[in-house]
Protein backbone atom coordinates (compact mmCIF):
# COMPACT_ATOMS: atom_id res chain seq x y z
CA UNK A 1 0.32 0.12 0.24
CA UNK A 2 2.74 2.21 0.52
CA UNK A 3 4.48 1.31 -2.54
CA UNK A 4 1.32 2.61 -4.33
CA UNK A 5 0.83 5.91 -2.56
CA UNK A 6 4.79 6.41 -3.07
CA UNK A 7 4.10 5.60 -7.00
CA UNK A 8 0.94 7.56 -6.92
CA UNK A 9 3.60 10.65 -5.30
CA UNK A 10 6.01 10.32 -7.86
CA UNK A 11 3.76 10.21 -10.53
CA UNK A 12 2.08 13.29 -9.53
CA UNK A 13 5.09 15.20 -9.32
CA UNK A 14 6.29 14.82 -12.65
CA UNK A 15 2.85 14.68 -14.33
CA UNK A 16 2.05 18.75 -13.34
CA UNK A 17 5.13 20.09 -15.75
CA UNK A 18 3.98 20.72 -18.59
CA UNK A 19 6.02 22.34 -21.83
CA UNK A 20 4.60 23.93 -24.73
CA UNK A 21 6.14 25.72 -27.71
CA UNK A 22 4.58 28.28 -29.81
CA UNK A 23 3.48 26.92 -33.44
CA UNK A 24 5.61 27.63 -36.57
CA UNK A 25 3.35 30.21 -37.15
CA UNK A 26 3.70 32.23 -34.17
CA UNK A 27 7.51 31.80 -34.52
CA UNK A 28 7.33 33.21 -37.85
CA UNK A 29 4.67 36.10 -36.94
CA UNK A 30 7.59 36.85 -33.66
CA UNK A 31 10.62 37.14 -35.35
CA UNK A 32 9.19 39.79 -38.04
CA UNK A 33 10.28 42.83 -37.89
CA UNK A 34 7.78 45.83 -37.58
CA UNK A 35 8.87 49.28 -37.25
CA UNK A 36 7.58 52.13 -35.34
CA UNK A 37 6.75 53.76 -38.48
CA UNK A 38 4.12 51.46 -39.52
CA UNK A 39 2.84 50.80 -35.98
CA UNK A 40 2.28 54.60 -36.02
CA UNK A 41 0.10 54.48 -39.38
CA UNK A 42 -1.40 51.13 -38.02
CA UNK A 43 -2.46 53.62 -34.74
CA UNK A 44 -3.72 56.27 -36.41
CA UNK A 45 -5.89 54.82 -39.34
CA UNK A 46 -7.56 53.13 -36.23
CA UNK A 47 -7.91 56.63 -34.58
CA UNK A 48 -9.25 57.70 -37.55
CA UNK A 49 -12.00 54.65 -37.72
CA UNK A 50 -13.39 55.17 -34.62
CA UNK A 51 -13.26 59.23 -34.71
CA UNK A 52 -16.12 59.98 -37.42
CA UNK A 53 -15.57 63.62 -37.95
CA UNK A 54 -18.65 65.45 -38.97
CA UNK A 55 -18.74 69.41 -40.05
CA UNK A 56 -22.68 70.58 -39.81
CA UNK A 57 -24.54 68.80 -43.03
CA UNK A 58 -21.09 67.13 -44.52
CA UNK A 59 -20.27 63.62 -43.35
CA UNK A 60 -17.09 62.01 -43.41
CA UNK A 61 -17.12 59.03 -45.82
CA UNK A 62 -13.23 58.20 -45.84
CA UNK A 63 -10.19 58.72 -44.07
CA UNK A 64 -6.98 57.05 -44.44
CA UNK A 65 -3.54 58.42 -43.51
CA UNK A 66 -0.02 57.52 -46.58
CA UNK A 67 3.01 58.83 -46.34
CA UNK A 68 4.84 60.81 -49.03
CA UNK A 69 8.17 59.29 -49.75
CA UNK A 70 8.99 62.71 -52.16
CA UNK A 71 8.10 65.03 -49.44
CA UNK A 72 8.58 62.97 -46.64
CA UNK A 73 5.47 63.88 -44.84
CA UNK A 74 2.80 61.81 -43.65
CA UNK A 75 -0.84 63.29 -45.62
CA UNK A 76 -3.62 61.90 -43.47
CA UNK A 77 -6.80 62.09 -46.14
CA UNK A 78 -10.56 63.14 -44.85
CA UNK A 79 -13.39 63.03 -47.23
CA UNK A 80 -16.33 64.69 -46.82
CA UNK A 81 -20.03 63.88 -48.59
CA UNK A 82 -21.90 67.00 -47.85
CA UNK A 83 -25.51 68.22 -49.26
CA UNK A 84 -24.79 71.75 -50.13
CA UNK A 85 -23.07 73.51 -53.43
CA UNK A 86 -22.54 76.68 -51.75
CA UNK A 87 -18.97 77.07 -51.96
CA UNK A 88 -18.28 79.97 -49.28
CA UNK A 89 -20.07 77.93 -46.55
CA UNK A 90 -18.03 74.82 -47.95
CA UNK A 91 -14.67 76.27 -47.68
CA UNK A 92 -15.50 77.22 -43.77
CA UNK A 93 -16.59 73.28 -43.35
CA UNK A 94 -13.29 72.58 -44.80
CA UNK A 95 -11.22 74.34 -42.71
CA UNK A 96 -13.23 73.33 -39.82
CA UNK A 97 -12.36 69.79 -40.64
CA UNK A 98 -8.60 70.77 -40.56
CA UNK A 99 -9.17 72.74 -37.35
CA UNK A 100 -11.33 69.48 -35.80
CA UNK A 101 -8.24 67.10 -36.62
CA UNK A 102 -5.87 69.44 -35.04
CA UNK A 103 -7.75 69.61 -31.74
CA UNK A 104 -8.21 65.29 -31.92
CA UNK A 105 -4.62 65.37 -32.22
CA UNK A 106 -4.21 67.78 -29.32
CA UNK A 107 -3.73 70.92 -30.77
CA UNK A 108 -5.36 74.38 -29.62
CA UNK A 109 -7.09 75.19 -33.31
CA UNK A 110 -6.39 79.32 -32.49
CA UNK A 111 -2.77 78.76 -32.03
CA UNK A 112 -1.31 75.90 -33.57
CA UNK A 113 0.55 74.90 -30.78
CA UNK A 114 0.43 71.57 -28.78
CA UNK A 115 -1.96 71.65 -25.73
CA UNK A 116 -1.81 69.24 -22.59
CA UNK A 117 -1.35 69.24 -18.82
CA UNK A 118 1.36 71.30 -19.10
CA UNK A 119 2.97 74.01 -20.90
CA UNK A 120 5.63 72.50 -22.13
CA UNK A 121 4.04 70.13 -24.05
CA UNK A 122 6.60 68.16 -26.30
CA UNK A 123 4.52 65.34 -28.60
CA UNK A 124 1.22 65.63 -29.77
CA UNK A 125 -1.44 62.82 -30.03
CA UNK A 126 -0.77 62.05 -33.29
CA UNK A 127 2.90 61.79 -32.86
CA UNK A 128 2.69 59.67 -29.60
CA UNK A 129 0.88 57.32 -31.95
CA UNK A 130 4.39 56.05 -33.33
CA UNK A 131 5.63 55.43 -29.45
CA UNK A 132 6.62 52.38 -28.34
CA UNK A 133 4.29 51.55 -25.07
CA UNK A 134 6.22 50.53 -21.71
CA UNK A 135 9.83 50.74 -23.66
CA UNK A 136 12.22 53.55 -23.51
CA UNK A 137 14.86 53.73 -26.53
CA UNK A 138 17.98 55.07 -25.01
CA UNK A 139 19.41 56.01 -28.48
CA UNK A 140 15.75 57.55 -29.36
CA UNK A 141 16.63 61.46 -30.75
CA UNK A 142 15.48 63.86 -27.95
CA UNK A 143 13.26 66.01 -30.68
CA UNK A 144 11.78 62.52 -32.39
CA UNK A 145 7.91 63.53 -31.64
CA UNK A 146 8.49 67.36 -32.79
CA UNK A 147 10.03 66.12 -35.85
CA UNK A 148 6.47 63.95 -36.50
CA UNK A 149 4.11 66.68 -35.68
CA UNK A 150 6.01 68.79 -38.15
CA UNK A 151 6.08 66.16 -40.96
CA UNK A 152 1.66 65.77 -40.82
CA UNK A 153 -0.17 67.42 -43.36
CA UNK A 154 -4.10 67.16 -43.03
CA UNK A 155 -5.70 66.87 -46.51
CA UNK A 156 -9.89 67.22 -46.70
CA UNK A 157 -11.95 66.98 -49.68
CA UNK A 158 -15.55 67.99 -49.35
CA UNK A 159 -17.57 66.17 -52.20
CA UNK A 160 -20.85 67.32 -53.63
CA UNK A 161 -23.24 63.94 -53.84
CA UNK A 162 -25.99 63.62 -55.94
CA UNK A 163 -28.21 60.55 -55.91
CA UNK A 164 -30.03 59.60 -58.86
CA UNK A 165 -32.17 56.61 -58.51
CA UNK A 166 -29.85 53.95 -56.60
CA UNK A 167 -26.46 55.52 -57.76
CA UNK A 168 -24.61 57.89 -55.99
CA UNK A 169 -22.46 59.94 -57.65
CA UNK A 170 -19.90 63.04 -56.32
CA UNK A 171 -17.56 65.42 -57.53
CA UNK A 172 -14.73 67.41 -55.55
CA UNK A 173 -15.68 70.90 -55.12
CA UNK A 174 -13.55 71.78 -52.27
CA UNK A 175 -10.10 70.55 -51.63
CA UNK A 176 -8.23 71.99 -48.26
CA UNK A 177 -5.35 71.12 -46.50
CA UNK A 178 -2.62 72.45 -43.96
CA UNK A 179 -0.15 71.62 -41.71
CA UNK A 180 -0.78 69.85 -37.84
CA UNK A 181 1.03 72.82 -36.00
CA UNK A 182 0.10 75.24 -38.21
CA UNK A 183 -3.28 77.61 -38.18
CA UNK A 184 -3.48 78.07 -41.84
CA UNK A 185 -5.54 76.26 -44.45
CA UNK A 186 -4.77 76.89 -48.40
CA UNK A 187 -7.51 75.89 -50.81
CA UNK A 188 -7.08 74.46 -53.99
CA UNK A 189 -9.16 75.22 -56.98
């Protein structure tokens, strides 16, 4: 009986150790590099998907962020469908949309400066999306987030939509763009 109990205890002792390795797919994914460049754009796309902008009678229909390699800048695209054709009102809406994006990313619409809990804010919400969470790189340049903030151009399209039967068509009426850290808005004809 004692042998029986000792054998059970030994089996119980050794049977509690379980070891498992990730499968080959998980290992492949863990070993692939991903850059802060990729992570940041992915985070911004997620933010844009969760935050649907609307300006007066114009509703956002599309948003994305891309990198312009020629000018070394991020371009955030927003497209709005509008039910009015008044060019003056659409220009006002376009300017408001750029201000809304600036505000969303923690930039004061009136001054074009970053806002935050202190007067010396080093990064906007935009640039912090390009940051590792929980990891500080000792080689990270001190002005990296300021530089990232200066690399964002916001481009907005205000379209007039027409519904004819079950067909929806649109044409670009007003296009404007502006930098994140600015108050100016430029219009394209």
